[in-house]
């Protein structure tokens, strides 16, 4: 498994959680009609959306150096992959297409 594949896997899971939270929030806001008893059911979806976005921006890290690369890999690409133009980690300089060490705990 390459570093790019591992980062994409983590990014994909974060994006799925983020979009599911957004869908939950929008669906319950539409169904509740903004009335207070049902309005509170929508807010956990917003919390999940916020947590997923926070993870993608600040907690997505390089497996080699643990540098925060969430914003770097998230900005120029779609939510489920990393742009091929990003070839190296900006913090440690390792190639993202290099193999991940088998004995290293990530």
N, C-alpha and C. Protein backbone atom coordinates (compact mmCIF):
# COMPACT_ATOMS: atom_id res chain seq x y z
N UNK A 1 0.84 -1.17 0.00
CA UNK A 1 0.00 0.00 0.00
C UNK A 1 0.89 1.23 0.00
N UNK A 2 0.58 2.20 -0.84
CA UNK A 2 1.36 3.42 -0.91
C UNK A 2 0.82 4.45 0.08
N UNK A 3 1.63 5.47 0.31
CA UNK A 3 1.19 6.56 1.19
C UNK A 3 -0.06 7.23 0.61
N UNK A 4 -0.08 7.42 -0.70
CA UNK A 4 -1.23 8.06 -1.34
C UNK A 4 -2.51 7.25 -1.11
N UNK A 5 -2.42 5.93 -1.23
CA UNK A 5 -3.60 5.08 -1.04
C UNK A 5 -4.11 5.17 0.39
N UNK A 6 -3.21 5.20 1.37
CA UNK A 6 -3.61 5.31 2.76
C UNK A 6 -4.27 6.65 3.05
N UNK A 7 -3.69 7.72 2.52
CA UNK A 7 -4.26 9.05 2.73
C UNK A 7 -5.62 9.16 2.05
N UNK A 8 -5.74 8.60 0.84
CA UNK A 8 -7.02 8.64 0.13
C UNK A 8 -8.08 7.86 0.91
N UNK A 9 -7.70 6.73 1.48
CA UNK A 9 -8.64 5.93 2.27
C UNK A 9 -9.16 6.73 3.46
N UNK A 10 -8.27 7.40 4.15
CA UNK A 10 -8.67 8.21 5.30
C UNK A 10 -9.49 9.42 4.87
N UNK A 11 -9.11 10.03 3.77
CA UNK A 11 -9.84 11.19 3.26
C UNK A 11 -11.24 10.78 2.81
N UNK A 12 -11.34 9.64 2.16
CA UNK A 12 -12.64 9.15 1.70
C UNK A 12 -13.58 8.90 2.88
N UNK A 13 -13.08 8.27 3.93
CA UNK A 13 -13.93 8.02 5.10
C UNK A 13 -14.36 9.33 5.77
N UNK A 14 -13.45 10.29 5.86
CA UNK A 14 -13.80 11.59 6.42
C UNK A 14 -14.84 12.31 5.58
N UNK A 15 -14.71 12.23 4.27
CA UNK A 15 -15.68 12.88 3.38
C UNK A 15 -17.05 12.21 3.47
N UNK A 16 -17.08 10.89 3.58
CA UNK A 16 -18.36 10.19 3.71
C UNK A 16 -19.06 10.60 5.00
N UNK A 17 -18.33 10.65 6.10
CA UNK A 17 -18.91 11.07 7.37
C UNK A 17 -19.41 12.51 7.27
N UNK A 18 -18.63 13.38 6.65
CA UNK A 18 -19.02 14.77 6.51
C UNK A 18 -20.30 14.91 5.70
N UNK A 19 -20.38 14.23 4.58
CA UNK A 19 -21.57 14.34 3.73
C UNK A 19 -22.79 13.67 4.35
N UNK A 20 -22.60 12.59 5.09
CA UNK A 20 -23.73 11.99 5.78
C UNK A 20 -24.27 12.92 6.87
N UNK A 21 -23.40 13.58 7.59
CA UNK A 21 -23.83 14.56 8.59
C UNK A 21 -24.59 15.71 7.95
N UNK A 22 -24.10 16.19 6.82
CA UNK A 22 -24.79 17.28 6.12
C UNK A 22 -26.15 16.82 5.62
N UNK A 23 -26.22 15.61 5.08
CA UNK A 23 -27.50 15.09 4.59
C UNK A 23 -28.50 14.93 5.74
N UNK A 24 -28.03 14.42 6.88
CA UNK A 24 -28.89 14.28 8.05
C UNK A 24 -29.44 15.64 8.47
N UNK A 25 -28.57 16.63 8.54
CA UNK A 25 -28.97 17.97 8.97
C UNK A 25 -29.99 18.57 8.00
N UNK A 26 -29.71 18.51 6.71
CA UNK A 26 -30.61 19.10 5.71
C UNK A 26 -31.95 18.37 5.69
N UNK A 27 -31.93 17.04 5.76
CA UNK A 27 -33.17 16.27 5.73
C UNK A 27 -34.06 16.61 6.92
N UNK A 28 -33.49 16.64 8.12
CA UNK A 28 -34.31 16.93 9.29
C UNK A 28 -34.74 18.38 9.35
N UNK A 29 -33.96 19.28 8.82
CA UNK A 29 -34.41 20.68 8.76
C UNK A 29 -35.59 20.82 7.81
N UNK A 30 -35.54 20.10 6.69
CA UNK A 30 -36.64 20.16 5.73
C UNK A 30 -37.89 19.48 6.29
N UNK A 31 -37.71 18.36 6.98
CA UNK A 31 -38.86 17.63 7.52
C UNK A 31 -39.47 18.30 8.74
N UNK A 32 -38.64 19.00 9.51
CA UNK A 32 -39.14 19.60 10.75
C UNK A 32 -39.92 20.88 10.51
N UNK A 33 -39.66 21.55 9.40
CA UNK A 33 -40.30 22.83 9.18
C UNK A 33 -39.82 23.88 10.16
N UNK A 34 -38.66 23.68 10.72
CA UNK A 34 -38.01 24.59 11.68
C UNK A 34 -38.83 24.75 12.95
N UNK A 35 -39.53 23.69 13.36
CA UNK A 35 -40.27 23.71 14.63
C UNK A 35 -39.38 23.13 15.72
N UNK A 36 -39.43 23.70 16.90
CA UNK A 36 -38.50 23.32 17.96
C UNK A 36 -38.43 21.84 18.34
N UNK A 37 -39.52 21.07 18.48
CA UNK A 37 -39.29 19.69 18.92
C UNK A 37 -38.45 18.87 17.94
N UNK A 38 -38.67 19.04 16.66
CA UNK A 38 -37.94 18.25 15.66
C UNK A 38 -36.65 18.94 15.24
N UNK A 39 -36.55 20.20 15.52
CA UNK A 39 -35.35 20.95 15.16
C UNK A 39 -34.12 20.39 15.86
N UNK A 40 -34.30 19.90 17.08
CA UNK A 40 -33.18 19.37 17.85
C UNK A 40 -32.65 18.05 17.30
N UNK A 41 -33.45 17.36 16.51
CA UNK A 41 -33.00 16.12 15.89
C UNK A 41 -32.01 16.43 14.77
N UNK A 42 -32.09 17.62 14.20
CA UNK A 42 -31.22 18.00 13.10
C UNK A 42 -29.81 18.37 13.57
N UNK A 43 -29.67 18.84 14.78
CA UNK A 43 -28.38 19.34 15.22
C UNK A 43 -27.28 18.30 15.36
N UNK A 44 -27.57 17.03 15.69
CA UNK A 44 -26.47 16.04 15.65
C UNK A 44 -25.87 15.89 14.26
N UNK A 45 -26.68 16.05 13.23
CA UNK A 45 -26.15 16.00 11.87
C UNK A 45 -25.18 17.14 11.61
N UNK A 46 -25.50 18.31 12.12
CA UNK A 46 -24.60 19.44 11.97
C UNK A 46 -23.31 19.21 12.74
N UNK A 47 -23.41 18.60 13.91
CA UNK A 47 -22.21 18.30 14.70
C UNK A 47 -21.31 17.30 13.98
N UNK A 48 -21.92 16.28 13.36
CA UNK A 48 -21.14 15.29 12.61
C UNK A 48 -20.50 15.95 11.39
N UNK A 49 -21.25 16.81 10.71
CA UNK A 49 -20.69 17.54 9.57
C UNK A 49 -19.50 18.39 10.00
N UNK A 50 -19.64 19.09 11.08
CA UNK A 50 -18.56 19.95 11.58
C UNK A 50 -17.35 19.12 11.99
N UNK A 51 -17.59 17.99 12.67
CA UNK A 51 -16.48 17.12 13.10
C UNK A 51 -15.76 16.52 11.90
N UNK A 52 -16.51 16.10 10.89
CA UNK A 52 -15.88 15.54 9.69
C UNK A 52 -15.06 16.56 8.94
N UNK A 53 -15.57 17.78 8.84
CA UNK A 53 -14.82 18.85 8.19
C UNK A 53 -13.56 19.18 8.98
N UNK A 54 -13.69 19.23 10.28
CA UNK A 54 -12.54 19.51 11.16
C UNK A 54 -11.46 18.43 10.99
N UNK A 55 -11.90 17.16 10.91
CA UNK A 55 -10.96 16.05 10.70
C UNK A 55 -10.24 16.19 9.36
N UNK A 56 -10.98 16.49 8.31
CA UNK A 56 -10.37 16.61 6.98
C UNK A 56 -9.36 17.75 6.91
N UNK A 57 -9.61 18.82 7.62
CA UNK A 57 -8.70 19.96 7.55
C UNK A 57 -7.52 19.87 8.51
N UNK A 58 -7.75 19.36 9.72
CA UNK A 58 -6.71 19.46 10.73
C UNK A 58 -6.14 18.13 11.24
N UNK A 59 -6.84 17.03 11.03
CA UNK A 59 -6.37 15.76 11.59
C UNK A 59 -5.98 14.73 10.54
N UNK A 60 -6.08 15.06 9.29
CA UNK A 60 -5.59 14.19 8.23
C UNK A 60 -4.09 14.44 8.12
N UNK A 61 -3.30 13.42 8.41
CA UNK A 61 -1.85 13.59 8.53
C UNK A 61 -1.08 12.66 7.61
N UNK A 62 0.16 13.06 7.34
CA UNK A 62 1.08 12.21 6.56
C UNK A 62 1.43 11.00 7.42
N UNK A 63 1.33 9.80 6.87
CA UNK A 63 1.67 8.61 7.66
C UNK A 63 3.15 8.52 8.02
N UNK A 64 4.00 9.19 7.29
CA UNK A 64 5.44 9.10 7.54
C UNK A 64 5.89 10.10 8.62
N UNK A 65 5.53 11.38 8.47
CA UNK A 65 6.05 12.41 9.38
C UNK A 65 4.99 12.98 10.32
N UNK A 66 3.73 12.61 10.13
CA UNK A 66 2.61 13.08 10.94
C UNK A 66 2.31 14.56 10.74
N UNK A 67 2.76 15.13 9.62
CA UNK A 67 2.46 16.52 9.30
C UNK A 67 1.01 16.67 8.85
N UNK A 68 0.39 17.79 9.16
CA UNK A 68 -1.01 18.03 8.80
C UNK A 68 -1.13 18.39 7.32
N UNK A 69 -1.54 17.43 6.52
CA UNK A 69 -1.64 17.66 5.08
C UNK A 69 -3.08 17.68 4.59
N UNK A 70 -4.03 17.77 5.51
CA UNK A 70 -5.44 17.76 5.12
C UNK A 70 -5.81 18.87 4.17
N UNK A 71 -5.42 20.09 4.47
CA UNK A 71 -5.75 21.20 3.59
C UNK A 71 -5.00 21.10 2.27
N UNK A 72 -3.78 20.63 2.32
CA UNK A 72 -2.96 20.52 1.10
C UNK A 72 -3.55 19.51 0.13
N UNK A 73 -3.96 18.36 0.61
CA UNK A 73 -4.50 17.34 -0.29
C UNK A 73 -5.99 17.54 -0.56
N UNK A 74 -6.65 18.33 0.24
CA UNK A 74 -8.09 18.51 0.07
C UNK A 74 -8.47 19.63 -0.86
N UNK A 75 -7.65 20.63 -0.96
CA UNK A 75 -8.04 21.81 -1.73
C UNK A 75 -8.11 21.58 -3.24
N UNK A 76 -7.07 21.08 -3.91
CA UNK A 76 -7.13 21.05 -5.38
C UNK A 76 -7.76 19.79 -5.98
N UNK A 77 -8.46 18.99 -5.21
CA UNK A 77 -8.98 17.73 -5.75
C UNK A 77 -10.42 17.52 -5.32
N UNK A 78 -10.97 16.43 -5.79
CA UNK A 78 -12.33 16.11 -5.37
C UNK A 78 -12.31 15.47 -3.99
N UNK A 79 -13.45 15.27 -3.35
CA UNK A 79 -13.46 14.79 -1.96
C UNK A 79 -13.01 13.35 -1.77
N UNK A 80 -12.92 12.57 -2.84
CA UNK A 80 -12.64 11.16 -2.67
C UNK A 80 -11.30 10.73 -3.25
N UNK A 81 -10.44 11.67 -3.61
CA UNK A 81 -9.11 11.32 -4.13
C UNK A 81 -8.14 12.46 -3.88
N UNK A 82 -6.90 12.22 -4.24
CA UNK A 82 -5.86 13.25 -4.15
C UNK A 82 -5.38 13.53 -5.56
N UNK A 83 -5.20 14.79 -5.87
CA UNK A 83 -4.73 15.18 -7.20
C UNK A 83 -3.37 14.55 -7.49
N UNK A 84 -3.17 14.10 -8.71
CA UNK A 84 -1.88 13.54 -9.12
C UNK A 84 -0.79 14.60 -9.19
N UNK A 85 -1.18 15.87 -9.17
CA UNK A 85 -0.20 16.95 -9.18
C UNK A 85 0.54 17.05 -7.85
N UNK A 86 -0.08 16.56 -6.78
CA UNK A 86 0.59 16.53 -5.48
C UNK A 86 1.38 15.24 -5.42
N UNK A 87 2.68 15.36 -5.50
CA UNK A 87 3.53 14.18 -5.57
C UNK A 87 4.34 13.93 -4.31
N UNK A 88 4.52 14.96 -3.47
CA UNK A 88 5.36 14.84 -2.29
C UNK A 88 4.67 15.45 -1.08
N UNK A 89 5.01 14.95 0.10
CA UNK A 89 4.54 15.56 1.34
C UNK A 89 5.26 16.90 1.50
N UNK A 90 4.54 17.98 1.77
CA UNK A 90 5.21 19.28 1.91
C UNK A 90 6.06 19.40 3.18
N UNK A 91 5.90 18.49 4.11
CA UNK A 91 6.62 18.59 5.37
C UNK A 91 7.89 17.74 5.41
N UNK A 92 7.81 16.49 4.93
CA UNK A 92 8.99 15.62 4.99
C UNK A 92 9.58 15.34 3.61
N UNK A 93 8.87 15.66 2.54
CA UNK A 93 9.40 15.50 1.20
C UNK A 93 9.32 14.09 0.65
N UNK A 94 8.69 13.16 1.34
CA UNK A 94 8.59 11.79 0.85
C UNK A 94 7.58 11.74 -0.30
N UNK A 95 7.87 10.89 -1.27
CA UNK A 95 6.97 10.73 -2.41
C UNK A 95 5.70 10.02 -1.94
N UNK A 96 4.55 10.54 -2.33
CA UNK A 96 3.28 9.94 -1.93
C UNK A 96 3.04 8.60 -2.61
N UNK A 97 3.73 8.34 -3.70
CA UNK A 97 3.56 7.06 -4.39
C UNK A 97 4.55 6.00 -3.91
N UNK A 98 5.32 6.29 -2.86
CA UNK A 98 6.24 5.30 -2.32
C UNK A 98 5.48 4.34 -1.41
N UNK A 99 6.04 3.16 -1.26
CA UNK A 99 5.39 2.13 -0.45
C UNK A 99 5.50 2.47 1.03
N UNK A 100 4.45 2.13 1.75
CA UNK A 100 4.43 2.32 3.19
C UNK A 100 5.21 1.18 3.84
N UNK A 101 6.00 1.47 4.85
CA UNK A 101 6.78 0.44 5.51
C UNK A 101 5.84 -0.51 6.24
N UNK A 102 6.10 -1.80 6.11
CA UNK A 102 5.21 -2.81 6.68
C UNK A 102 5.32 -2.88 8.20
N UNK A 103 6.48 -2.59 8.76
CA UNK A 103 6.67 -2.74 10.19
C UNK A 103 6.36 -1.46 10.98
N UNK A 104 6.02 -0.42 10.30
CA UNK A 104 5.75 0.86 10.96
C UNK A 104 4.30 0.90 11.43
N UNK A 105 4.08 1.32 12.67
CA UNK A 105 2.75 1.45 13.22
C UNK A 105 2.22 2.84 12.86
N UNK A 106 1.06 2.87 12.20
CA UNK A 106 0.49 4.15 11.76
C UNK A 106 -0.71 4.48 12.58
